[in-house]
């Protein structure tokens, strides 16, 4: 009996929701059919206030050509961008915010639009294991914003975004450098280690990558033809010394000492062989 009553209640609620949805849809269609753009303009903001960004955006899009050049046009363009942002179409939003501040550069809303352009790029950027083109664009855009508006109320948030993006790019660079080593592309890994150090001179990963650079160079020397080994084992010794100089207390020292020692032995062998040949 209780189960039947519950099912009946659920069905009744469903019917009510369908009816309300139909009424709301009918009301929206009526607004759309209106030939008075002001009706759509006012309705769009009512939908926006109710956080119904989907219907709000539709109405803003419909009246854009009509209000372009009018005082209302500025608000339509600005809030359309926010509708796209809240609907999570971040790349559309970033383009719309950019269009706004480039078109309405003297607007009181231009600064916020420029910030939101960069922020929309930031939230659209993928995780660190994927291509970071959007992250780089977001960081550049946000840095431009900070440079242009150093006293902005959005400054602290902008700096947080720049810091978070730098960390993501740092992790991406670190993973890429290690990936070359895993794939046994030793020369490419050594180049990537150097690039990483140049791009992130204060990174927490530098000690580990300095160690891996020794490993990579040693493996590279091992697989080289004899006439190239003297130069390449010499670099193992140099990279080992770099690690010792930069990280004298490194936890990797004991492990790389064997590469250093074996490289010296091999260099002496090569020297003897060259003398006798």
Protein backbone atom coordinates (compact mmCIF):
# COMPACT_ATOMS: atom_id res chain seq x y z
CA UNK A 1 0.00 0.00 0.00
CA UNK A 2 2.79 2.38 0.97
CA UNK A 3 4.70 1.44 -2.16
CA UNK A 4 1.65 2.18 -4.34
CA UNK A 5 1.19 5.60 -2.74
CA UNK A 6 4.84 6.42 -3.29
CA UNK A 7 4.63 5.44 -6.97
CA UNK A 8 1.49 7.52 -7.38
CA UNK A 9 3.23 10.50 -5.78
CA UNK A 10 6.25 10.14 -8.06
CA UNK A 11 4.01 9.98 -11.14
CA UNK A 12 2.08 13.04 -9.99
CA UNK A 13 5.27 15.01 -9.42
CA UNK A 14 6.54 13.98 -12.85
CA UNK A 15 3.32 15.18 -14.49
CA UNK A 16 3.55 18.48 -12.64
CA UNK A 17 7.19 18.95 -13.70
CA UNK A 18 6.35 18.19 -17.32
CA UNK A 19 3.46 20.65 -17.20
CA UNK A 20 5.65 23.37 -15.65
CA UNK A 21 8.34 22.69 -18.24
CA UNK A 22 5.80 23.00 -21.05
CA UNK A 23 4.51 26.28 -19.61
CA UNK A 24 8.06 27.63 -19.26
CA UNK A 25 8.87 26.54 -22.81
CA UNK A 26 5.72 28.14 -24.13
CA UNK A 27 6.56 31.37 -22.30
CA UNK A 28 10.09 31.39 -23.75
CA UNK A 29 8.79 30.77 -27.28
CA UNK A 30 6.41 33.69 -26.87
CA UNK A 31 9.32 35.93 -25.86
CA UNK A 32 11.34 34.73 -28.85
CA UNK A 33 8.51 35.58 -31.22
CA UNK A 34 8.26 39.13 -29.91
CA UNK A 35 9.26 41.79 -32.41
CA UNK A 36 10.24 44.17 -29.60
CA UNK A 37 13.92 43.65 -28.79
CA UNK A 38 13.37 45.31 -25.39
CA UNK A 39 11.12 42.42 -24.37
CA UNK A 40 13.88 39.98 -25.16
CA UNK A 41 16.49 42.21 -23.51
CA UNK A 42 14.60 42.41 -20.21
CA UNK A 43 13.71 38.69 -20.31
CA UNK A 44 17.34 37.76 -20.96
CA UNK A 45 18.42 39.49 -17.77
CA UNK A 46 15.62 37.87 -15.80
CA UNK A 47 16.77 34.48 -17.00
CA UNK A 48 20.35 35.49 -16.12
CA UNK A 49 19.33 36.44 -12.57
CA UNK A 50 17.71 33.02 -12.21
CA UNK A 51 20.98 31.45 -13.43
CA UNK A 52 19.25 30.11 -16.52
CA UNK A 53 22.24 30.97 -18.69
CA UNK A 54 21.12 28.78 -21.57
CA UNK A 55 17.92 30.72 -22.33
CA UNK A 56 19.59 34.00 -21.44
CA UNK A 57 22.35 33.38 -24.01
CA UNK A 58 19.82 32.52 -26.73
CA UNK A 59 18.04 35.84 -26.25
CA UNK A 60 21.30 37.81 -26.06
CA UNK A 61 22.44 36.20 -29.32
CA UNK A 62 19.15 37.07 -31.03
CA UNK A 63 19.24 40.76 -30.13
CA UNK A 64 22.99 41.33 -30.65
CA UNK A 65 22.66 42.65 -34.22
CA UNK A 66 19.81 44.96 -33.18
CA UNK A 67 21.49 46.56 -30.15
CA UNK A 68 24.96 46.88 -31.67
CA UNK A 69 25.90 50.54 -31.39
CA UNK A 70 23.26 51.21 -28.72
CA UNK A 71 24.08 51.65 -25.00
CA UNK A 72 22.40 48.28 -24.33
CA UNK A 73 24.77 46.57 -26.76
CA UNK A 74 27.66 46.81 -24.33
CA UNK A 75 25.79 44.91 -21.60
CA UNK A 76 24.54 42.30 -24.05
CA UNK A 77 28.06 41.50 -25.25
CA UNK A 78 29.46 41.40 -21.71
CA UNK A 79 26.77 39.19 -20.18
CA UNK A 80 26.68 36.90 -23.19
CA UNK A 81 30.32 36.12 -22.41
CA UNK A 82 29.39 35.28 -18.82
CA UNK A 83 26.54 33.06 -20.03
CA UNK A 84 29.03 31.11 -22.13
CA UNK A 85 31.41 30.92 -19.18
CA UNK A 86 28.75 29.59 -16.78
CA UNK A 87 27.60 27.12 -19.44
CA UNK A 88 31.24 25.88 -19.38
CA UNK A 89 31.90 26.67 -23.04
CA UNK A 90 35.13 28.29 -21.92
CA UNK A 91 36.80 28.83 -25.29
CA UNK A 92 33.68 30.56 -26.62
CA UNK A 93 33.63 32.66 -23.47
CA UNK A 94 37.30 33.61 -23.79
CA UNK A 95 36.75 34.76 -27.37
CA UNK A 96 33.65 36.72 -26.35
CA UNK A 97 35.43 38.44 -23.44
CA UNK A 98 38.34 39.29 -25.73
CA UNK A 99 35.98 40.72 -28.36
CA UNK A 100 34.34 42.78 -25.64
CA UNK A 101 37.43 44.47 -24.22
CA UNK A 102 38.85 45.08 -27.69
CA UNK A 103 35.55 46.65 -28.82
CA UNK A 104 34.73 48.50 -25.60
CA UNK A 105 38.20 49.41 -24.43
CA UNK A 106 36.97 52.46 -22.50
CA UNK A 107 34.16 50.61 -20.75
CA UNK A 108 34.14 50.28 -16.97
CA UNK A 109 33.75 46.54 -17.64
CA UNK A 110 36.80 46.25 -19.93
CA UNK A 111 39.24 45.38 -17.14
CA UNK A 112 37.03 42.58 -15.83
CA UNK A 113 36.51 41.30 -19.38
CA UNK A 114 40.27 41.16 -19.96
CA UNK A 115 40.75 39.23 -16.73
CA UNK A 116 37.94 36.82 -17.61
CA UNK A 117 39.41 36.28 -21.08
CA UNK A 118 42.61 34.98 -19.48
CA UNK A 119 40.74 33.13 -16.73
CA UNK A 120 38.48 31.36 -19.25
CA UNK A 121 41.58 30.18 -21.12
CA UNK A 122 43.00 28.94 -17.82
CA UNK A 123 39.96 26.87 -16.83
CA UNK A 124 39.77 25.41 -20.35
CA UNK A 125 43.38 24.20 -20.22
CA UNK A 126 43.89 20.43 -19.92
CA UNK A 127 45.67 18.42 -17.25
CA UNK A 128 49.47 18.35 -17.15
CA UNK A 129 49.78 15.10 -19.13
CA UNK A 130 48.24 16.70 -22.25
CA UNK A 131 49.36 19.44 -24.65
CA UNK A 132 49.72 22.75 -22.80
CA UNK A 133 49.12 25.26 -25.60
CA UNK A 134 46.08 26.74 -23.83
CA UNK A 135 47.98 26.90 -20.52
CA UNK A 136 50.77 28.92 -22.12
CA UNK A 137 48.24 31.26 -23.75
CA UNK A 138 46.42 31.67 -20.44
CA UNK A 139 49.60 32.44 -18.53
CA UNK A 140 50.71 34.97 -21.15
CA UNK A 141 47.30 36.64 -21.17
CA UNK A 142 47.18 36.77 -17.38
CA UNK A 143 50.70 38.20 -17.18
CA UNK A 144 49.69 40.90 -19.64
CA UNK A 145 46.69 41.66 -17.45
CA UNK A 146 48.84 42.02 -14.30
CA UNK A 147 51.29 44.25 -16.17
CA UNK A 148 48.48 46.45 -17.47
CA UNK A 149 46.46 46.57 -14.22
CA UNK A 150 48.92 46.17 -11.32
CA UNK A 151 46.41 47.63 -8.84
CA UNK A 152 43.40 45.65 -10.04
CA UNK A 153 41.07 43.93 -7.57
CA UNK A 154 41.64 40.81 -9.68
CA UNK A 155 45.43 40.96 -9.27
CA UNK A 156 45.74 38.38 -6.46
CA UNK A 157 43.60 35.90 -8.35
CA UNK A 158 45.60 36.57 -11.51
CA UNK A 159 48.87 35.86 -9.69
CA UNK A 160 47.41 32.61 -8.34
CA UNK A 161 46.53 31.56 -11.89
CA UNK A 162 50.03 32.40 -13.14
CA UNK A 163 51.60 30.40 -10.30
CA UNK A 164 49.30 27.39 -10.82
CA UNK A 165 49.95 27.44 -14.57
CA UNK A 166 53.71 27.62 -14.06
CA UNK A 167 53.49 24.58 -11.79
CA UNK A 168 51.48 22.70 -14.41
CA UNK A 169 53.97 23.57 -17.15
CA UNK A 170 56.83 22.60 -14.84
CA UNK A 171 55.24 19.19 -14.21
CA UNK A 172 54.66 18.74 -17.95
CA UNK A 173 58.31 19.56 -18.70
CA UNK A 174 59.49 17.20 -15.96
CA UNK A 175 57.33 14.34 -17.26
CA UNK A 176 58.44 14.94 -20.86
CA UNK A 177 62.11 14.90 -19.89
CA UNK A 178 61.73 11.61 -18.03
CA UNK A 179 59.69 10.10 -20.85
CA UNK A 180 62.58 10.47 -23.31
CA UNK A 181 64.79 8.54 -20.89
CA UNK A 182 62.17 5.77 -20.55
CA UNK A 183 62.05 5.51 -24.33
CA UNK A 184 65.88 5.25 -24.39
CA UNK A 185 66.14 8.39 -26.48
CA UNK A 186 69.17 9.47 -24.50
CA UNK A 187 70.32 12.44 -26.55
CA UNK A 188 66.79 13.89 -26.58
CA UNK A 189 66.47 13.38 -22.83
CA UNK A 190 69.74 15.24 -22.15
CA UNK A 191 68.56 18.16 -24.29
CA UNK A 192 65.19 18.15 -22.50
CA UNK A 193 66.93 18.18 -19.09
CA UNK A 194 68.91 21.27 -20.13
CA UNK A 195 65.80 22.96 -21.52
CA UNK A 196 63.94 22.23 -18.32
CA UNK A 197 66.70 23.79 -16.20
CA UNK A 198 66.69 26.89 -18.39
CA UNK A 199 62.89 27.23 -18.22
CA UNK A 200 62.54 26.39 -14.51
CA UNK A 201 65.78 27.44 -12.78
CA UNK A 202 64.25 27.18 -9.30
CA UNK A 203 62.41 23.89 -9.76
CA UNK A 204 62.28 21.27 -7.03
CA UNK A 205 62.98 18.66 -9.71
CA UNK A 206 66.44 19.94 -10.67
CA UNK A 207 68.34 17.60 -8.37
CA UNK A 208 66.60 14.50 -9.71
CA UNK A 209 67.01 15.62 -13.31
CA UNK A 210 70.71 16.37 -12.76
CA UNK A 211 71.05 12.76 -11.59
CA UNK A 212 69.07 11.44 -14.57
CA UNK A 213 71.23 13.51 -16.90
CA UNK A 214 74.29 11.54 -15.71
CA UNK A 215 72.40 8.28 -16.21
CA UNK A 216 71.27 9.28 -19.70
CA UNK A 217 74.75 10.38 -20.78
CA UNK A 218 76.28 7.15 -19.46
CA UNK A 219 73.75 5.03 -21.38
CA UNK A 220 74.31 7.19 -24.46
CA UNK A 221 78.09 6.68 -24.22
CA UNK A 222 77.64 2.92 -23.76
CA UNK A 223 75.70 2.50 -26.99
CA UNK A 224 78.02 4.74 -29.02
CA UNK A 225 80.64 3.68 -31.56
CA UNK A 226 84.16 3.47 -30.13
CA UNK A 227 85.41 6.59 -31.91
CA UNK A 228 82.65 8.63 -30.16
CA UNK A 229 82.97 7.17 -26.69
CA UNK A 230 85.86 9.32 -25.44
CA UNK A 231 83.85 12.50 -25.91
CA UNK A 232 80.67 10.99 -24.48
CA UNK A 233 82.22 9.37 -21.40
CA UNK A 234 84.02 12.67 -20.74
CA UNK A 235 80.59 14.31 -20.56
CA UNK A 236 79.47 11.72 -18.00
CA UNK A 237 82.35 12.90 -15.78
CA UNK A 238 81.40 16.55 -16.37
CA UNK A 239 77.71 15.96 -15.60
CA UNK A 240 78.67 14.06 -12.45
CA UNK A 241 80.78 17.04 -11.34
CA UNK A 242 77.84 19.39 -12.02
CA UNK A 243 75.67 17.29 -9.74
CA UNK A 244 78.29 17.31 -6.99
CA UNK A 245 78.84 21.08 -7.29
CA UNK A 246 75.14 21.99 -7.30
CA UNK A 247 73.90 19.35 -4.85
CA UNK A 248 76.81 18.34 -2.58
CA UNK A 249 74.43 16.56 -0.20
CA UNK A 250 72.39 14.88 -2.92
CA UNK A 251 70.75 11.56 -2.12
CA UNK A 252 71.77 10.40 -5.61
CA UNK A 253 75.53 10.79 -5.15
CA UNK A 254 76.23 7.22 -4.13
CA UNK A 255 74.32 5.87 -7.11
CA UNK A 256 75.99 8.11 -9.72
CA UNK A 257 79.47 7.46 -8.36
CA UNK A 258 79.45 4.09 -10.11
CA UNK A 259 78.71 5.79 -13.45
CA UNK A 260 81.52 8.24 -12.74
CA UNK A 261 84.00 5.50 -11.80
CA UNK A 262 83.08 3.26 -14.72
CA UNK A 263 83.40 6.19 -17.10
CA UNK A 264 86.93 6.94 -15.83
CA UNK A 265 87.87 3.29 -16.30
CA UNK A 266 86.48 3.28 -19.83
CA UNK A 267 88.27 6.55 -20.68
CA UNK A 268 91.58 5.03 -19.55
CA UNK A 269 90.91 1.94 -21.67
CA UNK A 270 90.15 4.09 -24.70
CA UNK A 271 93.29 6.16 -24.10
CA UNK A 272 95.42 3.01 -23.96
CA UNK A 273 93.77 1.59 -27.06
CA UNK A 274 94.35 4.81 -29.00
CA UNK A 275 98.02 4.88 -27.95
CA UNK A 276 98.61 1.36 -29.14
CA UNK A 277 96.79 1.78 -32.42
